[in-house]
Amino acid sequence: MRQTLVIIFLLAAFVATGIFLLPSIAQDPTYHDFADRRGLLGIPNFLNITSNLAFLAVGIAGIILYAGNLKLVARRAWIACFTGVMLVCFGSGYYHLAPDNNTLVWDRLPMSIGFMGLLVAVLVEYVNPRLEKYLLAPAIVLGLASVVYWHYTDDLRLYVLVQFLPLLMIPVILLLFGETQKDRGYLLMALAIYVLAKLAEHFDRAVFELTGNIISGHSLKHLLAAIALFVVYWMLRRRAPGSPPVAPAVRSSRTS
């Protein structure tokens, strides 16, 4: 177990070092040039704003699921994750009213909470329940700091680390620690859907044109990311009450 933990943290350190060896990454000003600028009902960028309601729904559902059960594993980490998801609805909605770097801050702040809450929750469930006590608060502070750092320096490297480290670390954690967990396929499915969401975001205008100007890649990204989070919520919801995942501390020695 200790050797595997060392591998995980060395991998995280390696990824972080690699990112900071790169030159400073400035925010691309064309990022704010979205394909779908249509307004409706007096709301500008209507679909880019209203598609965020999916985050509100899954965020509230996740908070309700965990708020009432004090015995669930990684309870505080999952609540942090779903709270960040819920707040993305408001932050992203505000950003899309008038997209620029200043409003983008309010989109990325709650996203960073969600990313860090998710990573810590997976570490707690699959590696060691005690990690929540030591990692959750520093991880959230790091996530928020990455956005503040970008805002004042126009350097995205720390935020890139916060966003993509969970995508890299979670499959590794599942590979090393997940053989006793029957529901790890849900997490892998959620990650795959989120990758599709990022691709839709990258091909924003192409998706808009391919769908006959029905929906843009960025709006589709919101919906796909919310679906990915719903998969995580469903994974957690389907667990029988009072039957949390196997605590890492009682797993067999094969995980060491």
Protein backbone atom coordinates (compact mmCIF):
# COMPACT_ATOMS: atom_id res chain seq x y z
CA MET A 1 0.00 0.00 0.00
CA ARG A 2 2.72 2.47 0.91
CA GLN A 3 4.68 1.68 -2.23
CA THR A 4 1.59 2.22 -4.37
CA LEU A 5 0.87 5.53 -2.63
CA VAL A 6 4.41 6.62 -3.36
CA ILE A 7 3.87 5.77 -7.03
CA ILE A 8 0.68 7.86 -7.12
CA PHE A 9 2.25 10.93 -5.54
CA LEU A 10 5.41 10.61 -7.62
CA LEU A 11 3.22 10.52 -10.74
CA ALA A 12 1.40 13.65 -9.59
CA ALA A 13 4.72 15.38 -8.91
CA PHE A 14 6.05 14.30 -12.31
CA VAL A 15 3.00 15.71 -14.11
CA ALA A 16 3.19 18.96 -12.14
CA THR A 17 6.90 19.34 -12.87
CA GLY A 18 6.34 18.66 -16.56
CA ILE A 19 3.65 21.33 -16.78
CA PHE A 20 5.76 23.97 -15.04
CA LEU A 21 8.71 23.23 -17.28
CA LEU A 22 6.55 24.48 -20.14
CA PRO A 23 6.57 28.16 -21.06
CA SER A 24 3.85 30.35 -19.57
CA ILE A 25 0.44 29.54 -21.12
CA ALA A 26 -1.61 32.67 -21.81
CA GLN A 27 -5.37 32.63 -22.27
CA ASP A 28 -6.20 32.55 -25.98
CA PRO A 29 -8.39 35.63 -26.67
CA THR A 30 -10.30 33.70 -29.35
CA TYR A 31 -11.57 31.35 -26.62
CA HIS A 32 -14.41 33.80 -26.00
CA ASP A 33 -15.48 33.81 -29.67
CA PHE A 34 -18.25 31.22 -29.47
CA ALA A 35 -20.06 29.94 -32.51
CA ASP A 36 -23.58 30.30 -31.11
CA ARG A 37 -24.35 33.86 -30.08
CA ARG A 38 -28.10 33.65 -30.55
CA GLY A 39 -30.30 35.24 -27.93
CA LEU A 40 -33.81 34.27 -26.87
CA LEU A 41 -36.31 35.70 -24.41
CA GLY A 42 -33.99 38.64 -23.86
CA ILE A 43 -31.14 36.36 -22.81
CA PRO A 44 -27.94 36.71 -24.88
CA ASN A 45 -26.04 33.55 -25.81
CA PHE A 46 -29.18 31.68 -24.79
CA LEU A 47 -28.10 28.04 -25.21
CA ASN A 48 -24.62 28.58 -23.77
CA ILE A 49 -26.30 29.96 -20.66
CA THR A 50 -29.34 27.72 -20.25
CA SER A 51 -27.40 24.50 -20.92
CA ASN A 52 -25.74 25.16 -17.55
CA LEU A 53 -29.00 24.26 -15.82
CA ALA A 54 -27.94 20.63 -16.19
CA PHE A 55 -25.10 21.34 -13.74
CA LEU A 56 -27.55 22.83 -11.26
CA ALA A 57 -29.73 19.71 -11.38
CA VAL A 58 -26.97 17.14 -10.90
CA GLY A 59 -25.17 19.31 -8.33
CA ILE A 60 -28.27 19.64 -6.13
CA ALA A 61 -29.02 15.93 -6.50
CA GLY A 62 -25.51 15.01 -5.35
CA ILE A 63 -25.60 17.37 -2.38
CA ILE A 64 -28.96 16.00 -1.23
CA LEU A 65 -27.69 12.43 -1.58
CA TYR A 66 -24.70 13.01 0.70
CA ALA A 67 -25.92 15.74 3.03
CA GLY A 68 -28.27 13.46 4.94
CA ASN A 69 -25.96 10.50 5.56
CA LEU A 70 -23.06 11.10 7.90
CA LYS A 71 -21.71 7.55 7.51
CA LEU A 72 -20.96 7.59 3.77
CA VAL A 73 -17.34 7.28 2.70
CA ALA A 74 -15.76 10.49 1.33
CA ARG A 75 -18.88 12.43 2.30
CA ARG A 76 -17.23 15.85 2.57
CA ALA A 77 -15.25 15.38 -0.63
CA TRP A 78 -18.35 14.39 -2.62
CA ILE A 79 -20.30 17.31 -1.16
CA ALA A 80 -17.47 19.63 -2.21
CA CYS A 81 -17.49 18.11 -5.69
CA PHE A 82 -21.25 18.50 -6.17
CA THR A 83 -21.26 21.96 -4.60
CA GLY A 84 -18.69 23.04 -7.18
CA VAL A 85 -20.84 21.49 -9.91
CA MET A 86 -23.92 23.35 -8.70
CA LEU A 87 -22.04 26.66 -8.58
CA VAL A 88 -20.76 26.14 -12.12
CA CYS A 89 -24.33 26.78 -13.29
CA PHE A 90 -24.19 30.30 -11.91
CA GLY A 91 -20.54 31.01 -12.67
CA SER A 92 -20.72 29.78 -16.25
CA GLY A 93 -24.06 31.48 -16.78
CA TYR A 94 -22.60 34.78 -15.61
CA TYR A 95 -19.57 34.30 -17.85
CA HIS A 96 -21.67 33.67 -20.95
CA LEU A 97 -23.66 36.86 -20.43
CA ALA A 98 -20.54 38.79 -21.43
CA PRO A 99 -17.62 36.44 -22.18
CA ASP A 100 -14.16 37.80 -21.34
CA ASN A 101 -11.28 36.96 -19.02
CA ASN A 102 -12.81 38.84 -16.09
CA THR A 103 -16.11 36.95 -16.15
CA LEU A 104 -14.35 33.67 -16.94
CA VAL A 105 -12.87 33.77 -13.44
CA TRP A 106 -16.33 33.09 -11.99
CA ASP A 107 -16.75 30.09 -14.27
CA ARG A 108 -13.42 28.54 -13.35
CA LEU A 109 -13.53 29.06 -9.58
CA PRO A 110 -16.38 26.59 -8.98
CA MET A 111 -14.98 24.24 -11.63
CA SER A 112 -11.75 24.03 -9.66
CA ILE A 113 -13.70 23.07 -6.52
CA GLY A 114 -15.46 20.32 -8.46
CA PHE A 115 -12.24 18.91 -9.92
CA MET A 116 -10.45 18.83 -6.58
CA GLY A 117 -13.44 17.41 -4.72
CA LEU A 118 -13.70 14.61 -7.28
CA LEU A 119 -10.02 13.72 -7.09
CA VAL A 120 -9.97 13.64 -3.30
CA ALA A 121 -13.22 11.62 -3.18
CA VAL A 122 -11.71 8.95 -5.43
CA LEU A 123 -8.50 8.88 -3.37
CA VAL A 124 -10.51 8.49 -0.18
CA GLU A 125 -12.76 5.73 -1.53
CA TYR A 126 -10.10 3.71 -3.28
CA VAL A 127 -6.89 4.38 -1.37
CA ASN A 128 -7.36 5.45 2.25
CA PRO A 129 -10.33 7.05 4.08
CA ARG A 130 -7.97 9.14 6.22
CA LEU A 131 -6.78 11.09 3.18
CA GLU A 132 -9.93 13.21 3.23
CA LYS A 133 -8.87 14.84 6.49
CA TYR A 134 -5.48 15.85 5.13
CA LEU A 135 -6.11 16.49 1.44
CA LEU A 136 -9.55 18.02 0.94
CA ALA A 137 -8.97 21.55 2.25
CA PRO A 138 -5.48 21.96 0.68
CA ALA A 139 -6.76 20.57 -2.63
CA ILE A 140 -9.64 23.06 -2.76
CA VAL A 141 -7.31 25.91 -1.83
CA LEU A 142 -4.96 24.82 -4.62
CA GLY A 143 -7.84 24.73 -7.08
CA LEU A 144 -9.01 28.22 -6.18
CA ALA A 145 -5.43 29.52 -6.15
CA SER A 146 -4.89 28.21 -9.67
CA VAL A 147 -7.69 30.44 -10.96
CA VAL A 148 -6.51 33.47 -9.00
CA TYR A 149 -2.95 32.89 -10.23
CA TRP A 150 -4.13 32.75 -13.83
CA HIS A 151 -6.26 35.87 -13.38
CA TYR A 152 -3.36 37.99 -12.16
CA THR A 153 -0.53 36.52 -14.25
CA ASP A 154 -2.31 35.29 -17.40
CA ASP A 155 -0.52 31.98 -16.92
CA LEU A 156 -2.76 28.92 -17.18
CA ARG A 157 -0.23 26.27 -16.20
CA LEU A 158 -1.46 25.78 -12.63
CA TYR A 159 -5.10 25.72 -13.74
CA VAL A 160 -4.27 23.20 -16.47
CA LEU A 161 -2.76 21.01 -13.75
CA VAL A 162 -5.88 21.32 -11.57
CA GLN A 163 -8.22 20.49 -14.46
CA PHE A 164 -6.33 17.63 -16.07
CA LEU A 165 -4.58 15.97 -13.12
CA PRO A 166 -7.82 14.20 -12.06
CA LEU A 167 -8.26 12.91 -15.62
CA LEU A 168 -4.78 11.38 -15.45
CA MET A 169 -4.79 10.23 -11.84
CA ILE A 170 -8.22 8.61 -11.55
CA PRO A 171 -7.55 5.83 -14.12
CA VAL A 172 -4.24 5.10 -12.38
CA ILE A 173 -5.96 4.91 -8.99
CA LEU A 174 -8.63 2.59 -10.38
CA LEU A 175 -5.98 0.37 -11.93
CA LEU A 176 -3.92 0.09 -8.74
CA PHE A 177 -6.69 -0.02 -6.14
CA GLY A 178 -9.97 -0.77 -7.87
CA GLU A 179 -10.22 -4.55 -8.01
CA THR A 180 -12.52 -4.69 -4.95
CA GLN A 181 -14.86 -2.01 -6.29
CA LYS A 182 -17.62 -3.27 -8.58
CA ASP A 183 -18.64 0.19 -9.73
CA ARG A 184 -15.34 1.57 -11.03
CA GLY A 185 -16.71 1.19 -14.57
CA TYR A 186 -19.01 4.11 -13.85
CA LEU A 187 -16.05 6.37 -13.16
CA LEU A 188 -14.30 5.27 -16.33
CA MET A 189 -17.49 5.90 -18.30
CA ALA A 190 -17.80 9.36 -16.76
CA LEU A 191 -14.20 10.18 -17.70
CA ALA A 192 -14.79 9.01 -21.28
CA ILE A 193 -17.89 11.21 -21.58
CA TYR A 194 -15.97 14.16 -20.17
CA VAL A 195 -13.26 13.67 -22.79
CA LEU A 196 -16.03 13.84 -25.43
CA ALA A 197 -17.22 17.06 -23.78
CA LYS A 198 -13.75 18.61 -24.11
CA LEU A 199 -13.63 17.56 -27.76
CA ALA A 200 -17.01 19.17 -28.36
CA GLU A 201 -15.71 22.35 -26.74
CA HIS A 202 -12.63 22.34 -28.95
CA PHE A 203 -14.70 21.86 -32.11
CA ASP A 204 -17.32 24.40 -31.08
CA ARG A 205 -17.94 25.91 -34.52
CA ALA A 206 -17.63 22.62 -36.40
CA VAL A 207 -20.32 21.01 -34.22
CA PHE A 208 -22.55 24.05 -34.74
CA GLU A 209 -22.24 23.72 -38.51
CA LEU A 210 -22.64 19.92 -38.52
CA THR A 211 -25.88 20.16 -36.53
CA GLY A 212 -27.32 22.74 -38.90
CA ASN A 213 -26.87 25.53 -36.35
CA ILE A 214 -29.02 23.68 -33.83
CA ILE A 215 -26.44 23.37 -31.05
CA SER A 216 -22.83 24.46 -30.75
CA GLY A 217 -19.94 22.42 -29.45
CA HIS A 218 -19.72 24.57 -26.35
CA SER A 219 -23.37 24.08 -25.40
CA LEU A 220 -22.97 20.37 -26.11
CA LYS A 221 -19.91 20.38 -23.86
CA HIS A 222 -22.04 21.63 -20.98
CA LEU A 223 -24.60 18.87 -21.52
CA LEU A 224 -22.01 16.11 -21.94
CA ALA A 225 -20.08 17.21 -18.85
CA ALA A 226 -23.33 17.21 -16.86
CA ILE A 227 -24.11 13.70 -18.17
CA ALA A 228 -20.66 12.55 -17.04
CA LEU A 229 -21.40 13.89 -13.59
CA PHE A 230 -24.82 12.25 -13.61
CA VAL A 231 -23.07 8.92 -14.25
CA VAL A 232 -21.01 9.57 -11.11
CA TYR A 233 -24.16 10.53 -9.22
CA TRP A 234 -25.92 7.35 -10.39
CA MET A 235 -22.93 5.29 -9.28
CA LEU A 236 -23.23 6.77 -5.81
CA ARG A 237 -27.03 6.61 -5.76
CA ARG A 238 -27.25 2.92 -6.65
CA ARG A 239 -25.24 1.92 -3.60
CA ALA A 240 -27.58 0.46 -1.03
CA PRO A 241 -28.15 2.71 2.03
CA GLY A 242 -25.74 1.76 4.76
CA SER A 243 -23.48 -0.13 2.32
CA PRO A 244 -20.71 2.30 1.40
CA PRO A 245 -17.80 1.16 -0.78
CA VAL A 246 -15.22 -1.18 0.73
CA ALA A 247 -12.86 0.82 2.91
CA PRO A 248 -9.32 0.67 1.57
CA ALA A 249 -7.99 -0.21 5.02
CA VAL A 250 -9.72 -3.61 4.99
CA ARG A 251 -8.79 -4.71 1.48
CA SER A 252 -6.64 -7.70 0.79
CA SER A 253 -2.87 -7.51 0.64
CA ARG A 254 -2.97 -7.76 -3.16
CA THR A 255 -3.32 -3.99 -3.31
CA SER A 256 -0.03 -3.40 -1.53
